[in-house]
PDB file of N, CA and C in Angstrom:
ATOM      1  N   MET A   1      98.078  93.002 134.752  1.00  0.00           N
ATOM      2  CA  MET A   1      99.395  93.615 134.607  1.00  0.00           C
ATOM      3  C   MET A   1     100.483  92.651 135.069  1.00  0.00           C
ATOM      4  N   GLU A   2     101.574  92.676 134.338  1.00  0.00           N
ATOM      5  CA  GLU A   2     102.727  91.871 134.724  1.00  0.00           C
ATOM      6  C   GLU A   2     103.576  92.646 135.717  1.00  0.00           C
ATOM      7  N   PRO A   3     104.090  91.961 136.711  1.00  0.00           N
ATOM      8  CA  PRO A   3     104.970  92.668 137.648  1.00  0.00           C
ATOM      9  C   PRO A   3     106.269  93.068 136.948  1.00  0.00           C
ATOM     10  N   LEU A   4     106.808  94.185 137.344  1.00  0.00           N
ATOM     11  CA  LEU A   4     108.053  94.682 136.781  1.00  0.00           C
ATOM     12  C   LEU A   4     109.204  94.112 137.595  1.00  0.00           C
ATOM     13  N   VAL A   5     110.030  93.319 136.953  1.00  0.00           N
ATOM     14  CA  VAL A   5     111.162  92.712 137.637  1.00  0.00           C
ATOM     15  C   VAL A   5     112.445  93.355 137.139  1.00  0.00           C
ATOM     16  N   VAL A   6     113.490  93.176 137.884  1.00  0.00           N
ATOM     17  CA  VAL A   6     114.755  93.836 137.572  1.00  0.00           C
ATOM     18  C   VAL A   6     115.275  93.449 136.194  1.00  0.00           C
ATOM     19  N   GLU A   7     115.101  92.208 135.789  1.00  0.00           N
ATOM     20  CA  GLU A   7     115.614  91.771 134.510  1.00  0.00           C
ATOM     21  C   GLU A   7     114.953  92.496 133.340  1.00  0.00           C
ATOM     22  N   SER A   8     113.734  92.986 133.512  1.00  0.00           N
ATOM     23  CA  SER A   8     113.057  93.647 132.407  1.00  0.00           C
ATOM     24  C   SER A   8     113.421  95.133 132.282  1.00  0.00           C
ATOM     25  N   VAL A   9     114.141  95.669 133.236  1.00  0.00           N
ATOM     26  CA  VAL A   9     114.594  97.056 133.164  1.00  0.00           C
ATOM     27  C   VAL A   9     116.011  97.044 132.618  1.00  0.00           C
ATOM     28  N   ARG A  10     116.193  97.643 131.453  1.00  0.00           N
ATOM     29  CA  ARG A  10     117.501  97.672 130.829  1.00  0.00           C
ATOM     30  C   ARG A  10     118.128  99.034 131.085  1.00  0.00           C
ATOM     31  N   ILE A  11     119.358  99.033 131.548  1.00  0.00           N
ATOM     32  CA  ILE A  11     119.987 100.260 132.031  1.00  0.00           C
ATOM     33  C   ILE A  11     120.170 101.293 130.921  1.00  0.00           C
ATOM     34  N   HIS A  12     120.461 100.857 129.721  1.00  0.00           N
ATOM     35  CA  HIS A  12     120.660 101.840 128.649  1.00  0.00           C
ATOM     36  C   HIS A  12     119.351 102.544 128.285  1.00  0.00           C
ATOM     37  N   GLU A  13     118.224 101.857 128.468  1.00  0.00           N
ATOM     38  CA  GLU A  13     116.934 102.501 128.232  1.00  0.00           C
ATOM     39  C   GLU A  13     116.655 103.551 129.313  1.00  0.00           C
ATOM     40  N   ALA A  14     117.038 103.243 130.541  1.00  0.00           N
ATOM     41  CA  ALA A  14     116.872 104.215 131.626  1.00  0.00           C
ATOM     42  C   ALA A  14     117.760 105.434 131.384  1.00  0.00           C
ATOM     43  N   TRP A  15     118.977 105.209 130.899  1.00  0.00           N
ATOM     44  CA  TRP A  15     119.878 106.327 130.600  1.00  0.00           C
ATOM     45  C   TRP A  15     119.315 107.195 129.480  1.00  0.00           C
ATOM     46  N   CYS A  16     118.680 106.555 128.510  1.00  0.00           N
ATOM     47  CA  CYS A  16     118.083 107.297 127.398  1.00  0.00           C
ATOM     48  C   CYS A  16     116.980 108.233 127.899  1.00  0.00           C
ATOM     49  N   VAL A  17     116.122 107.711 128.739  1.00  0.00           N
ATOM     50  CA  VAL A  17     115.026 108.520 129.294  1.00  0.00           C
ATOM     51  C   VAL A  17     115.579 109.635 130.187  1.00  0.00           C
ATOM     52  N   LEU A  18     116.586 109.312 130.986  1.00  0.00           N
ATOM     53  CA  LEU A  18     117.190 110.321 131.855  1.00  0.00           C
ATOM     54  C   LEU A  18     117.857 111.419 131.034  1.00  0.00           C
ATOM     55  N   ALA A  19     118.512 111.057 129.945  1.00  0.00           N
ATOM     56  CA  ALA A  19     119.141 112.061 129.080  1.00  0.00           C
ATOM     57  C   ALA A  19     118.089 113.000 128.487  1.00  0.00           C
ATOM     58  N   GLU A  20     116.951 112.453 128.079  1.00  0.00           N
ATOM     59  CA  GLU A  20     115.865 113.286 127.548  1.00  0.00           C
ATOM     60  C   GLU A  20     115.354 114.262 128.603  1.00  0.00           C
ATOM     61  N   GLU A  21     115.229 113.804 129.831  1.00  0.00           N
ATOM     62  CA  GLU A  21     114.778 114.683 130.915  1.00  0.00           C
ATOM     63  C   GLU A  21     115.819 115.762 131.221  1.00  0.00           C
ATOM     64  N   LEU A  22     117.083 115.397 131.207  1.00  0.00           N
ATOM     65  CA  LEU A  22     118.133 116.376 131.465  1.00  0.00           C
ATOM     66  C   LEU A  22     118.164 117.456 130.395  1.00  0.00           C
ATOM     67  N   ILE A  23     117.867 117.085 129.157  1.00  0.00           N
ATOM     68  CA  ILE A  23     117.788 118.085 128.084  1.00  0.00           C
ATOM     69  C   ILE A  23     116.663 119.071 128.380  1.00  0.00           C
ATOM     70  N   LYS A  24     115.523 118.554 128.843  1.00  0.00           N
ATOM     71  CA  LYS A  24     114.398 119.435 129.168  1.00  0.00           C
ATOM     72  C   LYS A  24     114.758 120.415 130.276  1.00  0.00           C
ATOM     73  N   TRP A  25     115.631 119.998 131.202  1.00  0.00           N
ATOM     74  CA  TRP A  25     116.029 120.843 132.312  1.00  0.00           C
ATOM     75  C   TRP A  25     117.241 121.714 131.976  1.00  0.00           C
ATOM     76  N   GLY A  26     117.794 121.562 130.784  1.00  0.00           N
ATOM     77  CA  GLY A  26     118.920 122.397 130.373  1.00  0.00           C
ATOM     78  C   GLY A  26     120.274 121.884 130.825  1.00  0.00           C
ATOM     79  N   GLU A  27     120.328 120.665 131.286  1.00  0.00           N
ATOM     80  CA  GLU A  27     121.590 120.049 131.730  1.00  0.00           C
ATOM     81  C   GLU A  27     122.232 119.331 130.540  1.00  0.00           C
ATOM     82  N   PHE A  28     122.728 120.112 129.576  1.00  0.00           N
ATOM     83  CA  PHE A  28     123.176 119.545 128.307  1.00  0.00           C
ATOM     84  C   PHE A  28     124.450 118.721 128.436  1.00  0.00           C
ATOM     85  N   SER A  29     125.352 119.110 129.285  1.00  0.00           N
ATOM     86  CA  SER A  29     126.604 118.369 129.439  1.00  0.00           C
ATOM     87  C   SER A  29     126.350 116.974 130.008  1.00  0.00           C
ATOM     88  N   ARG A  30     125.575 116.915 131.067  1.00  0.00           N
ATOM     89  CA  ARG A  30     125.248 115.609 131.664  1.00  0.00           C
ATOM     90  C   ARG A  30     124.418 114.760 130.713  1.00  0.00           C
ATOM     91  N   ALA A  31     123.486 115.404 129.996  1.00  0.00           N
ATOM     92  CA  ALA A  31     122.648 114.683 129.038  1.00  0.00           C
ATOM     93  C   ALA A  31     123.491 114.115 127.905  1.00  0.00           C
ATOM     94  N   LYS A  32     124.477 114.876 127.462  1.00  0.00           N
ATOM     95  CA  LYS A  32     125.340 114.412 126.381  1.00  0.00           C
ATOM     96  C   LYS A  32     126.139 113.187 126.809  1.00  0.00           C
ATOM     97  N   ASP A  33     126.668 113.203 128.024  1.00  0.00           N
ATOM     98  CA  ASP A  33     127.418 112.056 128.530  1.00  0.00           C
ATOM     99  C   ASP A  33     126.541 110.810 128.618  1.00  0.00           C
ATOM    100  N   LEU A  34     125.345 110.967 129.170  1.00  0.00           N
ATOM    101  CA  LEU A  34     124.428 109.826 129.303  1.00  0.00           C
ATOM    102  C   LEU A  34     123.960 109.309 127.946  1.00  0.00           C
ATOM    103  N   ALA A  35     123.626 110.216 127.044  1.00  0.00           N
ATOM    104  CA  ALA A  35     123.149 109.799 125.726  1.00  0.00           C
ATOM    105  C   ALA A  35     124.249 109.100 124.943  1.00  0.00           C
ATOM    106  N   THR A  36     125.474 109.571 125.079  1.00  0.00           N
ATOM    107  CA  THR A  36     126.598 108.921 124.402  1.00  0.00           C
ATOM    108  C   THR A  36     126.798 107.508 124.919  1.00  0.00           C
ATOM    109  N   GLU A  37     126.777 107.355 126.224  1.00  0.00           N
ATOM    110  CA  GLU A  37     126.944 106.026 126.823  1.00  0.00           C
ATOM    111  C   GLU A  37     125.775 105.106 126.465  1.00  0.00           C
ATOM    112  N   ALA A  38     124.559 105.639 126.505  1.00  0.00           N
ATOM    113  CA  ALA A  38     123.380 104.837 126.160  1.00  0.00           C
ATOM    114  C   ALA A  38     123.412 104.416 124.700  1.00  0.00           C
ATOM    115  N   SER A  39     123.872 105.297 123.819  1.00  0.00           N
ATOM    116  CA  SER A  39     123.934 104.939 122.396  1.00  0.00           C
ATOM    117  C   SER A  39     124.958 103.840 122.159  1.00  0.00           C
ATOM    118  N   LEU A  40     126.061 103.890 122.879  1.00  0.00           N
ATOM    119  CA  LEU A  40     127.074 102.840 122.761  1.00  0.00           C
ATOM    120  C   LEU A  40     126.496 101.484 123.179  1.00  0.00           C
ATOM    121  N   HIS A  41     125.823 101.462 124.314  1.00  0.00           N
ATOM    122  CA  HIS A  41     125.224 100.219 124.805  1.00  0.00           C
ATOM    123  C   HIS A  41     124.115  99.732 123.878  1.00  0.00           C
ATOM    124  N   ALA A  42     123.287 100.656 123.404  1.00  0.00           N
ATOM    125  CA  ALA A  42     122.184 100.274 122.520  1.00  0.00           C
ATOM    126  C   ALA A  42     122.711  99.698 121.209  1.00  0.00           C
ATOM    127  N   ARG A  43     123.781 100.288 120.699  1.00  0.00           N
ATOM    128  CA  ARG A  43     124.361  99.777 119.457  1.00  0.00           C
ATOM    129  C   ARG A  43     124.931  98.379 119.652  1.00  0.00           C
ATOM    130  N   ILE A  44     125.607  98.161 120.774  1.00  0.00           N
ATOM    131  CA  ILE A  44     126.172  96.842 121.061  1.00  0.00           C
ATOM    132  C   ILE A  44     125.062  95.801 121.228  1.00  0.00           C
ATOM    133  N   LEU A  45     123.976  96.187 121.904  1.00  0.00           N
ATOM    134  CA  LEU A  45     122.865  95.269 122.150  1.00  0.00           C
ATOM    135  C   LEU A  45     121.872  95.196 120.993  1.00  0.00           C
ATOM    136  N   LYS A  46     122.139  95.958 119.921  1.00  0.00           N
ATOM    137  CA  LYS A  46     121.283  95.996 118.731  1.00  0.00           C
ATOM    138  C   LYS A  46     119.843  96.401 119.061  1.00  0.00           C
ATOM    139  N   ASP A  47     119.727  97.405 119.921  1.00  0.00           N
ATOM    140  CA  ASP A  47     118.428  97.968 120.291  1.00  0.00           C
ATOM    141  C   ASP A  47     118.210  99.221 119.437  1.00  0.00           C
ATOM    142  N   ALA A  48     117.598  99.035 118.267  1.00  0.00           N
ATOM    143  CA  ALA A  48     117.477 100.112 117.287  1.00  0.00           C
ATOM    144  C   ALA A  48     116.658 101.292 117.800  1.00  0.00           C
ATOM    145  N   ASP A  49     115.578 101.028 118.514  1.00  0.00           N
ATOM    146  CA  ASP A  49     114.731 102.122 118.996  1.00  0.00           C
ATOM    147  C   ASP A  49     115.472 103.014 119.981  1.00  0.00           C
ATOM    148  N   CYS A  50     116.133 102.407 120.940  1.00  0.00           N
ATOM    149  CA  CYS A  50     116.872 103.184 121.933  1.00  0.00           C
ATOM    150  C   CYS A  50     118.054 103.903 121.284  1.00  0.00           C
ATOM    151  N   TYR A  51     118.712 103.236 120.341  1.00  0.00           N
ATOM    152  CA  TYR A  51     119.835 103.854 119.637  1.00  0.00           C
ATOM    153  C   TYR A  51     119.373 105.098 118.886  1.00  0.00           C
ATOM    154  N   ALA A  52     118.237 104.995 118.214  1.00  0.00           N
ATOM    155  CA  ALA A  52     117.704 106.141 117.477  1.00  0.00           C
ATOM    156  C   ALA A  52     117.316 107.274 118.422  1.00  0.00           C
ATOM    157  N   LYS A  53     116.714 106.942 119.558  1.00  0.00           N
ATOM    158  CA  LYS A  53     116.334 107.971 120.532  1.00  0.00           C
ATOM    159  C   LYS A  53     117.553 108.698 121.083  1.00  0.00           C
ATOM    160  N   THR A  54     118.610 107.950 121.369  1.00  0.00           N
ATOM    161  CA  THR A  54     119.817 108.594 121.896  1.00  0.00           C
ATOM    162  C   THR A  54     120.467 109.468 120.841  1.00  0.00           C
ATOM    163  N   LEU A  55     120.433 109.026 119.590  1.00  0.00           N
ATOM    164  CA  LEU A  55     120.990 109.863 118.528  1.00  0.00           C
ATOM    165  C   LEU A  55     120.179 111.147 118.357  1.00  0.00           C
ATOM    166  N   LEU A  56     118.869 111.053 118.494  1.00  0.00           N
ATOM    167  CA  LEU A  56     118.050 112.268 118.414  1.00  0.00           C
ATOM    168  C   LEU A  56     118.346 113.215 119.577  1.00  0.00           C
ATOM    169  N   SER A  57     118.582 112.656 120.748  1.00  0.00           N
ATOM    170  CA  SER A  57     118.962 113.494 121.891  1.00  0.00           C
ATOM    171  C   SER A  57     120.304 114.176 121.624  1.00  0.00           C
ATOM    172  N   LEU A  58     121.254 113.420 121.098  1.00  0.00           N
ATOM    173  CA  LEU A  58     122.557 114.003 120.773  1.00  0.00           C
ATOM    174  C   LEU A  58     122.428 115.056 119.672  1.00  0.00           C
ATOM    175  N   SER A  59     121.504 114.845 118.748  1.00  0.00           N
ATOM    176  CA  SER A  59     121.251 115.825 117.707  1.00  0.00           C
ATOM    177  C   SER A  59     120.687 117.124 118.290  1.00  0.00           C
ATOM    178  N   ASN A  60     119.756 116.995 119.222  1.00  0.00           N
ATOM    179  CA  ASN A  60     119.194 118.183 119.883  1.00  0.00           C
ATOM    180  C   ASN A  60     120.277 118.955 120.629  1.00  0.00           C
ATOM    181  N   ILE A  61     121.150 118.236 121.301  1.00  0.00           N
ATOM    182  CA  ILE A  61     122.230 118.882 122.054  1.00  0.00           C
ATOM    183  C   ILE A  61     123.183 119.591 121.109  1.00  0.00           C
ATOM    184  N   ALA A  62     123.527 118.948 119.998  1.00  0.00           N
ATOM    185  CA  ALA A  62     124.423 119.576 119.022  1.00  0.00           C
ATOM    186  C   ALA A  62     123.792 120.849 118.456  1.00  0.00           C
ATOM    187  N   PHE A  63     122.485 120.825 118.221  1.00  0.00           N
ATOM    188  CA  PHE A  63     121.801 122.015 117.717  1.00  0.00           C
ATOM    189  C   PHE A  63     121.844 123.148 118.732  1.00  0.00           C
ATOM    190  N   VAL A  64     121.588 122.818 119.987  1.00  0.00           N
ATOM    191  CA  VAL A  64     121.609 123.838 121.042  1.00  0.00           C
ATOM    192  C   VAL A  64     123.016 124.416 121.215  1.00  0.00           C
ATOM    193  N   GLU A  65     124.019 123.567 121.022  1.00  0.00           N
ATOM    194  CA  GLU A  65     125.402 124.021 121.142  1.00  0.00           C
ATOM    195  C   GLU A  65     125.850 124.854 119.946  1.00  0.00           C
ATOM    196  N   GLY A  66     125.010 124.955 118.913  1.00  0.00           N
ATOM    197  CA  GLY A  66     125.313 125.808 117.770  1.00  0.00           C
ATOM    198  C   GLY A  66     125.919 125.093 116.583  1.00  0.00           C
ATOM    199  N   SER A  67     125.930 123.789 116.621  1.00  0.00           N
ATOM    200  CA  SER A  67     126.505 123.016 115.515  1.00  0.00           C
ATOM    201  C   SER A  67     125.373 122.400 114.701  1.00  0.00           C
ATOM    202  N   SER A  68     124.767 123.212 113.846  1.00  0.00           N
ATOM    203  CA  SER A  68     123.599 122.735 113.103  1.00  0.00           C
ATOM    204  C   SER A  68     123.968 121.666 112.077  1.00  0.00           C
ATOM    205  N   ALA A  69     125.150 121.741 111.497  1.00  0.00           N
ATOM    206  CA  ALA A  69     125.564 120.717 110.526  1.00  0.00           C
ATOM    207  C   ALA A  69     125.719 119.361 111.211  1.00  0.00           C
ATOM    208  N   GLN A  70     126.341 119.357 112.377  1.00  0.00           N
ATOM    209  CA  GLN A  70     126.506 118.108 113.117  1.00  0.00           C
ATOM    210  C   GLN A  70     125.152 117.597 113.592  1.00  0.00           C
ATOM    211  N   ALA A  71     124.271 118.499 114.004  1.00  0.00           N
ATOM    212  CA  ALA A  71     122.929 118.100 114.450  1.00  0.00           C
ATOM    213  C   ALA A  71     122.175 117.418 113.319  1.00  0.00           C
ATOM    214  N   LEU A  72     122.270 117.963 112.116  1.00  0.00           N
ATOM    215  CA  LEU A  72     121.602 117.359 110.967  1.00  0.00           C
ATOM    216  C   LEU A  72     122.194 115.998 110.635  1.00  0.00           C
ATOM    217  N   LYS A  73     123.511 115.895 110.702  1.00  0.00           N
ATOM    218  CA  LYS A  73     124.185 114.622 110.412  1.00  0.00           C
ATOM    219  C   LYS A  73     123.751 113.538 111.403  1.00  0.00           C
ATOM    220  N   ILE A  74     123.699 113.877 112.686  1.00  0.00           N
ATOM    221  CA  ILE A  74     123.308 112.904 113.705  1.00  0.00           C
ATOM    222  C   ILE A  74     121.837 112.528 113.555  1.00  0.00           C
ATOM    223  N   ALA A  75     120.995 113.505 113.227  1.00  0.00           N
ATOM    224  CA  ALA A  75     119.565 113.218 113.031  1.00  0.00           C
ATOM    225  C   ALA A  75     119.366 112.265 111.863  1.00  0.00           C
ATOM    226  N   MET A  76     120.131 112.454 110.799  1.00  0.00           N
ATOM    227  CA  MET A  76     120.038 111.546 109.655  1.00  0.00           C
ATOM    228  C   MET A  76     120.530 110.144 110.026  1.00  0.00           C
ATOM    229  N   MET A  77     121.550 110.073 110.878  1.00  0.00           N
ATOM    230  CA  MET A  77     122.032 108.769 111.349  1.00  0.00           C
ATOM    231  C   MET A  77     120.965 108.041 112.152  1.00  0.00           C
ATOM    232  N   SER A  78     120.166 108.798 112.906  1.00  0.00           N
ATOM    233  CA  SER A  78     119.125 108.160 113.727  1.00  0.00           C
ATOM    234  C   SER A  78     118.062 107.512 112.855  1.00  0.00           C
ATOM    235  N   HIS A  79     117.745 108.140 111.728  1.00  0.00           N
ATOM    236  CA  HIS A  79     116.758 107.549 110.821  1.00  0.00           C
ATOM    237  C   HIS A  79     117.316 106.303 110.142  1.00  0.00           C
ATOM    238  N   ALA A  80     118.595 106.340 109.811  1.00  0.00           N
ATOM    239  CA  ALA A  80     119.225 105.177 109.188  1.00  0.00           C
ATOM    240  C   ALA A  80     119.394 104.031 110.182  1.00  0.00           C
ATOM    241  N   ALA A  81     119.560 104.361 111.454  1.00  0.00           N
ATOM    242  CA  ALA A  81     119.779 103.334 112.490  1.00  0.00           C
ATOM    243  C   ALA A  81     118.568 102.419 112.601  1.00  0.00           C
ATOM    244  N   VAL A  82     117.392 102.969 112.530  1.00  0.00           N
ATOM    245  CA  VAL A  82     116.174 102.162 112.650  1.00  0.00           C
ATOM    246  C   VAL A  82     116.057 101.243 111.441  1.00  0.00           C
ATOM    247  N   ARG A  83     116.411 101.762 110.284  1.00  0.00           N
ATOM    248  CA  ARG A  83     116.295 100.985 109.051  1.00  0.00           C
ATOM    249  C   ARG A  83     117.338  99.856 109.003  1.00  0.00           C
ATOM    250  N   ASP A  84     118.554 100.127 109.474  1.00  0.00           N
ATOM    251  CA  ASP A  84     119.664  99.194 109.299  1.00  0.00           C
ATOM    252  C   ASP A  84     119.733  98.088 110.348  1.00  0.00           C
ATOM    253  N   MET A  85     119.203  98.299 111.534  1.00  0.00           N
ATOM    254  CA  MET A  85     119.332  97.273 112.578  1.00  0.00           C
ATOM    255  C   MET A  85     118.287  96.243 112.479  1.00  0.00           C
TER     256      MET A  85
END
């Protein structure tokens, strides 16, 4: 096993995982803030996997908030993000 060093931990990936956990706990407002920030960083860093995960989290939050059209739009963006980056 390789030791885990600070340089190999990327903060936007940690935010993505934390946002997913917050969704599981029902903390949708905090999860939305973290997922939005993580998606911005992932897009800038061209991290397609993390960007897609954050978009899926934002899609889940939009669905829970009652905006099914927006949830579908964001989910479709997540599939395109993996293809385009």
